[in-house]
Amino acid sequence: MTRLLSLILACGLCASAANAEIRNYECELHSIQAQGWIPPKVLLSVDAENKQARVLDGAIMSANDIAGRDEQTPMKAKFKNKRQGGYQMSWRVTMSSTTTRQLRVAYTAVLDPNSNKFTMRANFPMDNVTNRPSGVGHCTQVKGPNLF
């Protein structure tokens, strides 16, 4: 998966940056739950001025494959500027479970652009599950193609 995400950045499958206000991040996460709900790597493109963001990770790529879309299609995230200067993003991914039914996972991520600290939490709204996997990590701002 790491090689595939690096390939996406390197070969420019996504549109190139048209505006300087779009910032691209490669984020690495560590989750103590280790159950696979929090991906080890997340790609973000953030346009804070226009309050929009796009995200791509292994869960999104898997959901795209199951839905018959191109795996590298990023997902639009809801975006909020936080009072402390951070960015909050949220998105939902529908994945197949080991049974025949589908499972919806709601993700919320917070990025502090000053320290590049990154946190991510998963929630399962359809299943009323109390387990909320989370991860912490760090983002590196990268140049090159963005996810818009």
N, C-alpha and C. Protein backbone atom coordinates (compact mmCIF):
# COMPACT_ATOMS: atom_id res chain seq x y z
N MET A 1 0.82 -1.19 0.00
CA MET A 1 0.00 0.00 0.00
C MET A 1 0.87 1.26 0.00
N THR A 2 1.98 1.24 0.75
CA THR A 2 2.86 2.40 0.80
C THR A 2 3.40 2.70 -0.59
N ARG A 3 3.78 1.65 -1.31
CA ARG A 3 4.30 1.84 -2.66
C ARG A 3 3.24 2.43 -3.57
N LEU A 4 2.00 2.00 -3.44
CA LEU A 4 0.92 2.50 -4.27
C LEU A 4 0.64 3.97 -3.98
N LEU A 5 0.62 4.33 -2.71
CA LEU A 5 0.38 5.74 -2.36
C LEU A 5 1.52 6.63 -2.84
N SER A 6 2.75 6.14 -2.76
CA SER A 6 3.89 6.90 -3.27
C SER A 6 3.80 7.06 -4.78
N LEU A 7 3.34 6.01 -5.45
CA LEU A 7 3.16 6.06 -6.89
C LEU A 7 2.15 7.12 -7.29
N ILE A 8 1.09 7.25 -6.51
CA ILE A 8 0.06 8.25 -6.80
C ILE A 8 0.66 9.65 -6.78
N LEU A 9 1.47 9.92 -5.76
CA LEU A 9 2.10 11.24 -5.67
C LEU A 9 3.13 11.44 -6.77
N ALA A 10 3.91 10.42 -7.05
CA ALA A 10 5.01 10.56 -8.00
C ALA A 10 4.57 10.69 -9.44
N CYS A 11 3.55 9.95 -9.85
CA CYS A 11 3.23 9.94 -11.27
C CYS A 11 2.15 10.94 -11.65
N GLY A 12 1.60 11.66 -10.68
CA GLY A 12 0.66 12.73 -11.02
C GLY A 12 -0.68 12.24 -11.52
N LEU A 13 -1.24 11.20 -10.92
CA LEU A 13 -2.56 10.74 -11.33
C LEU A 13 -3.64 11.76 -10.99
N CYS A 14 -3.35 12.61 -10.05
CA CYS A 14 -4.30 13.65 -9.66
C CYS A 14 -3.88 14.98 -10.30
N ALA A 15 -4.81 15.91 -10.37
CA ALA A 15 -4.54 17.19 -11.01
C ALA A 15 -3.41 17.92 -10.31
N SER A 16 -2.65 18.67 -11.07
CA SER A 16 -1.55 19.43 -10.47
C SER A 16 -2.09 20.65 -9.75
N ALA A 17 -1.30 21.15 -8.83
CA ALA A 17 -1.74 22.28 -8.00
C ALA A 17 -1.93 23.52 -8.85
N ALA A 18 -3.13 24.06 -8.83
CA ALA A 18 -3.42 25.26 -9.60
C ALA A 18 -3.26 26.50 -8.75
N ASN A 19 -3.47 26.37 -7.46
CA ASN A 19 -3.39 27.51 -6.56
C ASN A 19 -2.41 27.20 -5.44
N ALA A 20 -1.69 28.23 -5.00
CA ALA A 20 -0.71 28.04 -3.94
C ALA A 20 -1.37 27.76 -2.60
N GLU A 21 -2.66 28.10 -2.43
CA GLU A 21 -3.32 27.89 -1.14
C GLU A 21 -3.68 26.42 -0.89
N ILE A 22 -3.58 25.58 -1.88
CA ILE A 22 -3.82 24.16 -1.68
C ILE A 22 -2.55 23.53 -1.14
N ARG A 23 -2.67 22.91 0.04
CA ARG A 23 -1.51 22.26 0.65
C ARG A 23 -1.74 20.76 0.64
N ASN A 24 -0.71 20.05 0.27
CA ASN A 24 -0.77 18.60 0.18
C ASN A 24 0.05 18.00 1.32
N TYR A 25 -0.51 16.98 1.95
CA TYR A 25 0.14 16.35 3.09
C TYR A 25 0.17 14.84 2.90
N GLU A 26 1.26 14.25 3.34
CA GLU A 26 1.35 12.80 3.48
C GLU A 26 1.46 12.54 4.97
N CYS A 27 0.48 11.84 5.52
CA CYS A 27 0.40 11.64 6.96
C CYS A 27 0.61 10.18 7.31
N GLU A 28 1.38 9.95 8.35
CA GLU A 28 1.60 8.61 8.86
C GLU A 28 0.97 8.52 10.23
N LEU A 29 0.27 7.41 10.46
CA LEU A 29 -0.48 7.22 11.70
C LEU A 29 -0.06 5.95 12.42
N HIS A 30 -0.24 5.98 13.73
CA HIS A 30 -0.06 4.80 14.55
C HIS A 30 -1.33 4.62 15.38
N SER A 31 -1.88 3.41 15.34
CA SER A 31 -3.08 3.10 16.11
C SER A 31 -2.77 1.98 17.07
N ILE A 32 -3.11 2.17 18.34
CA ILE A 32 -2.83 1.11 19.32
C ILE A 32 -3.82 -0.05 19.20
N GLN A 33 -4.97 0.19 18.55
CA GLN A 33 -5.95 -0.89 18.40
C GLN A 33 -5.46 -1.97 17.44
N ALA A 34 -4.73 -1.59 16.41
CA ALA A 34 -4.16 -2.51 15.42
C ALA A 34 -5.20 -3.48 14.85
N GLN A 35 -6.40 -2.99 14.60
CA GLN A 35 -7.45 -3.82 14.02
C GLN A 35 -7.71 -3.47 12.56
N GLY A 36 -6.94 -2.54 12.01
CA GLY A 36 -7.04 -2.21 10.60
C GLY A 36 -8.00 -1.08 10.26
N TRP A 37 -8.69 -0.53 11.23
CA TRP A 37 -9.64 0.55 10.92
C TRP A 37 -8.95 1.88 10.69
N ILE A 38 -7.80 2.09 11.31
CA ILE A 38 -7.03 3.32 11.12
C ILE A 38 -5.89 3.00 10.17
N PRO A 39 -5.86 3.65 8.99
CA PRO A 39 -4.81 3.33 8.01
C PRO A 39 -3.45 3.86 8.47
N PRO A 40 -2.38 3.21 8.06
CA PRO A 40 -1.04 3.67 8.44
C PRO A 40 -0.61 4.93 7.69
N LYS A 41 -1.25 5.20 6.53
CA LYS A 41 -0.86 6.36 5.72
C LYS A 41 -2.11 6.99 5.12
N VAL A 42 -2.15 8.32 5.14
CA VAL A 42 -3.27 9.08 4.58
C VAL A 42 -2.70 10.23 3.76
N LEU A 43 -3.26 10.45 2.58
CA LEU A 43 -2.90 11.60 1.75
C LEU A 43 -4.02 12.63 1.86
N LEU A 44 -3.65 13.90 2.05
CA LEU A 44 -4.62 14.98 2.16
C LEU A 44 -4.25 16.12 1.22
N SER A 45 -5.26 16.75 0.67
CA SER A 45 -5.11 18.04 0.00
C SER A 45 -6.09 18.98 0.66
N VAL A 46 -5.57 20.09 1.18
CA VAL A 46 -6.39 21.02 1.96
C VAL A 46 -6.37 22.40 1.31
N ASP A 47 -7.56 22.92 1.07
CA ASP A 47 -7.74 24.29 0.60
C ASP A 47 -8.49 25.02 1.70
N ALA A 48 -7.74 25.50 2.71
CA ALA A 48 -8.35 26.11 3.89
C ALA A 48 -9.12 27.38 3.54
N GLU A 49 -8.63 28.15 2.58
CA GLU A 49 -9.29 29.39 2.19
C GLU A 49 -10.71 29.14 1.68
N ASN A 50 -10.88 28.09 0.90
CA ASN A 50 -12.19 27.75 0.35
C ASN A 50 -12.92 26.67 1.14
N LYS A 51 -12.37 26.32 2.31
CA LYS A 51 -12.97 25.35 3.23
C LYS A 51 -13.32 24.03 2.55
N GLN A 52 -12.30 23.41 1.95
CA GLN A 52 -12.51 22.12 1.32
C GLN A 52 -11.25 21.27 1.45
N ALA A 53 -11.47 19.96 1.43
CA ALA A 53 -10.36 19.01 1.53
C ALA A 53 -10.73 17.73 0.80
N ARG A 54 -9.70 17.02 0.38
CA ARG A 54 -9.87 15.70 -0.22
C ARG A 54 -8.88 14.76 0.45
N VAL A 55 -9.27 13.50 0.52
CA VAL A 55 -8.47 12.52 1.24
C VAL A 55 -8.39 11.22 0.44
N LEU A 56 -7.27 10.51 0.61
CA LEU A 56 -7.10 9.21 -0.02
C LEU A 56 -6.29 8.33 0.93
N ASP A 57 -6.82 7.14 1.20
CA ASP A 57 -6.12 6.17 2.03
C ASP A 57 -6.50 4.77 1.58
N GLY A 58 -5.99 3.77 2.25
CA GLY A 58 -6.25 2.39 1.86
C GLY A 58 -7.72 1.99 1.94
N ALA A 59 -8.45 2.49 2.94
CA ALA A 59 -9.87 2.17 3.06
C ALA A 59 -10.66 2.75 1.89
N ILE A 60 -10.34 3.96 1.50
CA ILE A 60 -11.02 4.59 0.37
C ILE A 60 -10.69 3.85 -0.91
N MET A 61 -9.43 3.46 -1.07
CA MET A 61 -9.03 2.73 -2.27
C MET A 61 -9.76 1.39 -2.35
N SER A 62 -9.91 0.71 -1.23
CA SER A 62 -10.63 -0.56 -1.19
C SER A 62 -12.11 -0.36 -1.52
N ALA A 63 -12.72 0.67 -0.94
CA ALA A 63 -14.13 0.97 -1.22
C ALA A 63 -14.33 1.34 -2.69
N ASN A 64 -13.39 2.08 -3.26
CA ASN A 64 -13.46 2.43 -4.68
C ASN A 64 -13.42 1.17 -5.54
N ASP A 65 -12.53 0.26 -5.20
CA ASP A 65 -12.40 -0.98 -5.96
C ASP A 65 -13.69 -1.80 -5.90
N ILE A 66 -14.27 -1.91 -4.73
CA ILE A 66 -15.52 -2.67 -4.57
C ILE A 66 -16.65 -2.01 -5.34
N ALA A 67 -16.67 -0.67 -5.37
CA ALA A 67 -17.74 0.07 -6.06
C ALA A 67 -17.50 0.17 -7.57
N GLY A 68 -16.36 -0.33 -8.06
CA GLY A 68 -16.08 -0.28 -9.48
C GLY A 68 -15.52 1.04 -9.97
N ARG A 69 -15.05 1.88 -9.03
CA ARG A 69 -14.41 3.15 -9.40
C ARG A 69 -12.91 2.94 -9.47
N ASP A 70 -12.22 3.90 -10.10
CA ASP A 70 -10.76 3.88 -10.11
C ASP A 70 -10.28 3.95 -8.67
N GLU A 71 -9.37 3.07 -8.28
CA GLU A 71 -8.89 3.00 -6.90
C GLU A 71 -8.32 4.32 -6.40
N GLN A 72 -7.68 5.09 -7.29
CA GLN A 72 -7.02 6.32 -6.87
C GLN A 72 -7.95 7.52 -6.81
N THR A 73 -9.25 7.32 -6.86
CA THR A 73 -10.20 8.43 -6.78
C THR A 73 -10.29 8.90 -5.33
N PRO A 74 -9.87 10.14 -5.05
CA PRO A 74 -9.94 10.63 -3.67
C PRO A 74 -11.39 10.93 -3.27
N MET A 75 -11.59 11.06 -1.98
CA MET A 75 -12.91 11.35 -1.44
C MET A 75 -12.95 12.78 -0.92
N LYS A 76 -14.06 13.45 -1.20
CA LYS A 76 -14.25 14.80 -0.67
C LYS A 76 -14.57 14.69 0.81
N ALA A 77 -13.95 15.53 1.61
CA ALA A 77 -14.17 15.53 3.06
C ALA A 77 -14.87 16.82 3.47
N LYS A 78 -15.75 16.73 4.46
CA LYS A 78 -16.31 17.94 5.06
C LYS A 78 -15.17 18.62 5.80
N PHE A 79 -15.12 19.93 5.72
CA PHE A 79 -13.98 20.68 6.26
C PHE A 79 -14.45 21.77 7.20
N LYS A 80 -13.75 21.91 8.34
CA LYS A 80 -14.01 23.00 9.29
C LYS A 80 -12.67 23.55 9.76
N ASN A 81 -12.60 24.87 9.86
CA ASN A 81 -11.45 25.50 10.51
C ASN A 81 -11.72 25.48 12.01
N LYS A 82 -10.77 24.99 12.78
CA LYS A 82 -10.92 24.97 14.24
C LYS A 82 -10.42 26.28 14.81
N ARG A 83 -10.89 26.63 15.98
CA ARG A 83 -10.53 27.91 16.61
C ARG A 83 -9.04 28.03 16.86
N GLN A 84 -8.38 26.94 17.17
CA GLN A 84 -6.94 26.98 17.46
C GLN A 84 -6.09 27.01 16.20
N GLY A 85 -6.72 27.10 15.04
CA GLY A 85 -5.98 27.15 13.78
C GLY A 85 -5.85 25.82 13.08
N GLY A 86 -6.43 24.78 13.64
CA GLY A 86 -6.35 23.47 13.02
C GLY A 86 -7.46 23.24 12.01
N TYR A 87 -7.37 22.13 11.33
CA TYR A 87 -8.36 21.74 10.33
C TYR A 87 -9.03 20.45 10.79
N GLN A 88 -10.36 20.43 10.75
CA GLN A 88 -11.09 19.21 11.04
C GLN A 88 -11.76 18.73 9.76
N MET A 89 -11.56 17.46 9.45
CA MET A 89 -12.12 16.88 8.24
C MET A 89 -12.89 15.61 8.60
N SER A 90 -13.98 15.36 7.90
CA SER A 90 -14.74 14.14 8.15
C SER A 90 -15.25 13.58 6.83
N TRP A 91 -15.33 12.25 6.77
CA TRP A 91 -15.81 11.57 5.57
C TRP A 91 -16.31 10.19 5.98
N ARG A 92 -17.11 9.58 5.10
CA ARG A 92 -17.65 8.24 5.35
C ARG A 92 -17.24 7.30 4.23
N VAL A 93 -16.89 6.10 4.62
CA VAL A 93 -16.48 5.07 3.67
C VAL A 93 -17.37 3.85 3.88
N THR A 94 -17.89 3.31 2.79
CA THR A 94 -18.68 2.09 2.87
C THR A 94 -17.82 0.93 2.38
N MET A 95 -17.65 -0.06 3.25
CA MET A 95 -16.81 -1.21 2.93
C MET A 95 -17.60 -2.49 3.12
N SER A 96 -17.15 -3.53 2.46
CA SER A 96 -17.75 -4.85 2.65
C SER A 96 -17.13 -5.49 3.88
N SER A 97 -17.96 -6.18 4.65
CA SER A 97 -17.45 -6.89 5.81
C SER A 97 -17.24 -8.36 5.42
N THR A 98 -16.87 -9.17 6.37
CA THR A 98 -16.65 -10.58 6.09
C THR A 98 -17.95 -11.29 5.74
N THR A 99 -19.08 -10.70 6.13
CA THR A 99 -20.38 -11.23 5.73
C THR A 99 -20.77 -10.57 4.42
N THR A 100 -21.97 -10.76 3.98
CA THR A 100 -22.41 -10.17 2.71
C THR A 100 -22.90 -8.73 2.87
N ARG A 101 -22.99 -8.24 4.06
CA ARG A 101 -23.49 -6.88 4.23
C ARG A 101 -22.36 -5.85 4.16
N GLN A 102 -22.76 -4.61 4.00
CA GLN A 102 -21.77 -3.54 3.92
C GLN A 102 -21.71 -2.80 5.25
N LEU A 103 -20.56 -2.24 5.53
CA LEU A 103 -20.30 -1.56 6.79
C LEU A 103 -19.89 -0.12 6.49
N ARG A 104 -20.55 0.82 7.13
CA ARG A 104 -20.21 2.23 6.94
C ARG A 104 -19.32 2.68 8.10
N VAL A 105 -18.20 3.31 7.75
CA VAL A 105 -17.26 3.82 8.74
C VAL A 105 -17.17 5.34 8.56
N ALA A 106 -17.39 6.07 9.65
CA ALA A 106 -17.28 7.53 9.64
C ALA A 106 -15.93 7.90 10.24
N TYR A 107 -15.14 8.64 9.47
CA TYR A 107 -13.83 9.06 9.93
C TYR A 107 -13.83 10.55 10.24
N THR A 108 -13.13 10.92 11.30
CA THR A 108 -12.89 12.31 11.64
C THR A 108 -11.40 12.48 11.87
N ALA A 109 -10.81 13.46 11.23
CA ALA A 109 -9.38 13.71 11.36
C ALA A 109 -9.15 15.18 11.69
N VAL A 110 -8.12 15.44 12.48
CA VAL A 110 -7.74 16.81 12.82
C VAL A 110 -6.26 16.98 12.52
N LEU A 111 -5.96 18.03 11.78
CA LEU A 111 -4.58 18.36 11.43
C LEU A 111 -4.26 19.74 11.96
N ASP A 112 -3.17 19.84 12.70
CA ASP A 112 -2.66 21.13 13.14
C ASP A 112 -1.57 21.54 12.15
N PRO A 113 -1.83 22.53 11.27
CA PRO A 113 -0.85 22.87 10.24
C PRO A 113 0.43 23.52 10.80
N ASN A 114 0.39 23.99 12.04
CA ASN A 114 1.59 24.58 12.63
C ASN A 114 2.58 23.52 13.13
N SER A 115 2.06 22.49 13.77
CA SER A 115 2.93 21.44 14.30
C SER A 115 2.91 20.18 13.42
N ASN A 116 1.97 20.12 12.46
CA ASN A 116 1.74 18.96 11.59
C ASN A 116 1.31 17.72 12.36
N LYS A 117 0.79 17.90 13.59
CA LYS A 117 0.25 16.79 14.35
C LYS A 117 -1.08 16.37 13.72
N PHE A 118 -1.30 15.07 13.65
CA PHE A 118 -2.48 14.53 12.97
C PHE A 118 -3.14 13.47 13.84
N THR A 119 -4.43 13.57 14.04
CA THR A 119 -5.18 12.56 14.76
C THR A 119 -6.36 12.12 13.91
N MET A 120 -6.75 10.86 14.09
CA MET A 120 -7.84 10.32 13.30
C MET A 120 -8.64 9.35 14.15
N ARG A 121 -9.96 9.38 13.99
CA ARG A 121 -10.85 8.52 14.76
C ARG A 121 -11.87 7.89 13.81
N ALA A 122 -12.22 6.64 14.07
CA ALA A 122 -13.24 5.94 13.29
C ALA A 122 -14.46 5.70 14.17
N ASN A 123 -15.62 5.76 13.55
CA ASN A 123 -16.89 5.54 14.24
C ASN A 123 -17.74 4.66 13.33
N PHE A 124 -18.60 3.85 13.90
CA PHE A 124 -19.45 2.95 13.13
C PHE A 124 -20.91 3.31 13.38
N PRO A 125 -21.45 4.31 12.68
CA PRO A 125 -22.78 4.82 12.98
C PRO A 125 -23.91 3.83 12.76
N MET A 126 -23.79 2.90 11.84
CA MET A 126 -24.88 1.96 11.55
C MET A 126 -24.98 0.85 12.59
N ASP A 127 -23.90 0.55 13.27
CA ASP A 127 -23.87 -0.62 14.13
C ASP A 127 -23.91 -0.29 15.61
N ASN A 128 -23.98 0.96 15.98
CA ASN A 128 -24.08 1.35 17.38
C ASN A 128 -22.97 0.71 18.23
N VAL A 129 -21.77 0.70 17.67
CA VAL A 129 -20.61 0.10 18.32
C VAL A 129 -19.94 1.15 19.19
N THR A 130 -19.58 0.77 20.41
CA THR A 130 -18.94 1.72 21.31
C THR A 130 -17.44 1.83 21.06
N ASN A 131 -16.84 0.85 20.41
CA ASN A 131 -15.41 0.90 20.10
C ASN A 131 -15.18 2.01 19.07
N ARG A 132 -14.28 2.93 19.38
CA ARG A 132 -13.95 4.02 18.47
C ARG A 132 -12.44 4.02 18.24
N PRO A 133 -11.97 3.24 17.27
CA PRO A 133 -10.53 3.19 17.00
C PRO A 133 -9.98 4.58 16.68
N SER A 134 -8.76 4.81 17.10
CA SER A 134 -8.14 6.11 16.84
C SER A 134 -6.66 5.92 16.56
N GLY A 135 -6.08 6.95 16.02
CA GLY A 135 -4.66 6.93 15.73
C GLY A 135 -4.08 8.33 15.85
N VAL A 136 -2.80 8.40 16.12
CA VAL A 136 -2.08 9.67 16.18
C VAL A 136 -0.89 9.57 15.25
N GLY A 137 -0.48 10.70 14.74
CA GLY A 137 0.65 10.69 13.84
C GLY A 137 1.12 12.07 13.48
N HIS A 138 1.82 12.12 12.37
CA HIS A 138 2.46 13.35 11.93
C HIS A 138 2.33 13.45 10.42
N CYS A 139 2.14 14.65 9.93
CA CYS A 139 2.03 14.88 8.49
C CYS A 139 3.25 15.63 7.99
N THR A 140 3.60 15.38 6.76
CA THR A 140 4.66 16.11 6.09
C THR A 140 4.04 16.78 4.88
N GLN A 141 4.28 18.08 4.75
CA GLN A 141 3.76 18.79 3.59
C GLN A 141 4.61 18.40 2.38
N VAL A 142 3.93 18.01 1.30
CA VAL A 142 4.62 17.58 0.09
C VAL A 142 4.24 18.48 -1.07
N LYS A 143 5.17 18.60 -2.01
CA LYS A 143 4.91 19.38 -3.21
C LYS A 143 4.44 18.43 -4.29
N GLY A 144 3.89 18.99 -5.32
CA GLY A 144 3.50 18.15 -6.43
C GLY A 144 1.99 18.07 -6.59
N PRO A 145 1.52 17.00 -7.18
CA PRO A 145 0.10 16.88 -7.50
C PRO A 145 -0.78 16.90 -6.26
N ASN A 146 -1.98 17.45 -6.42
CA ASN A 146 -2.93 17.43 -5.32
C ASN A 146 -4.11 16.54 -5.67
N LEU A 147 -5.00 16.36 -4.74
CA LEU A 147 -6.13 15.44 -4.90
C LEU A 147 -7.38 16.10 -5.47
N PHE A 148 -7.29 17.38 -5.83
CA PHE A 148 -8.47 18.06 -6.39
C PHE A 148 -8.56 17.84 -7.88
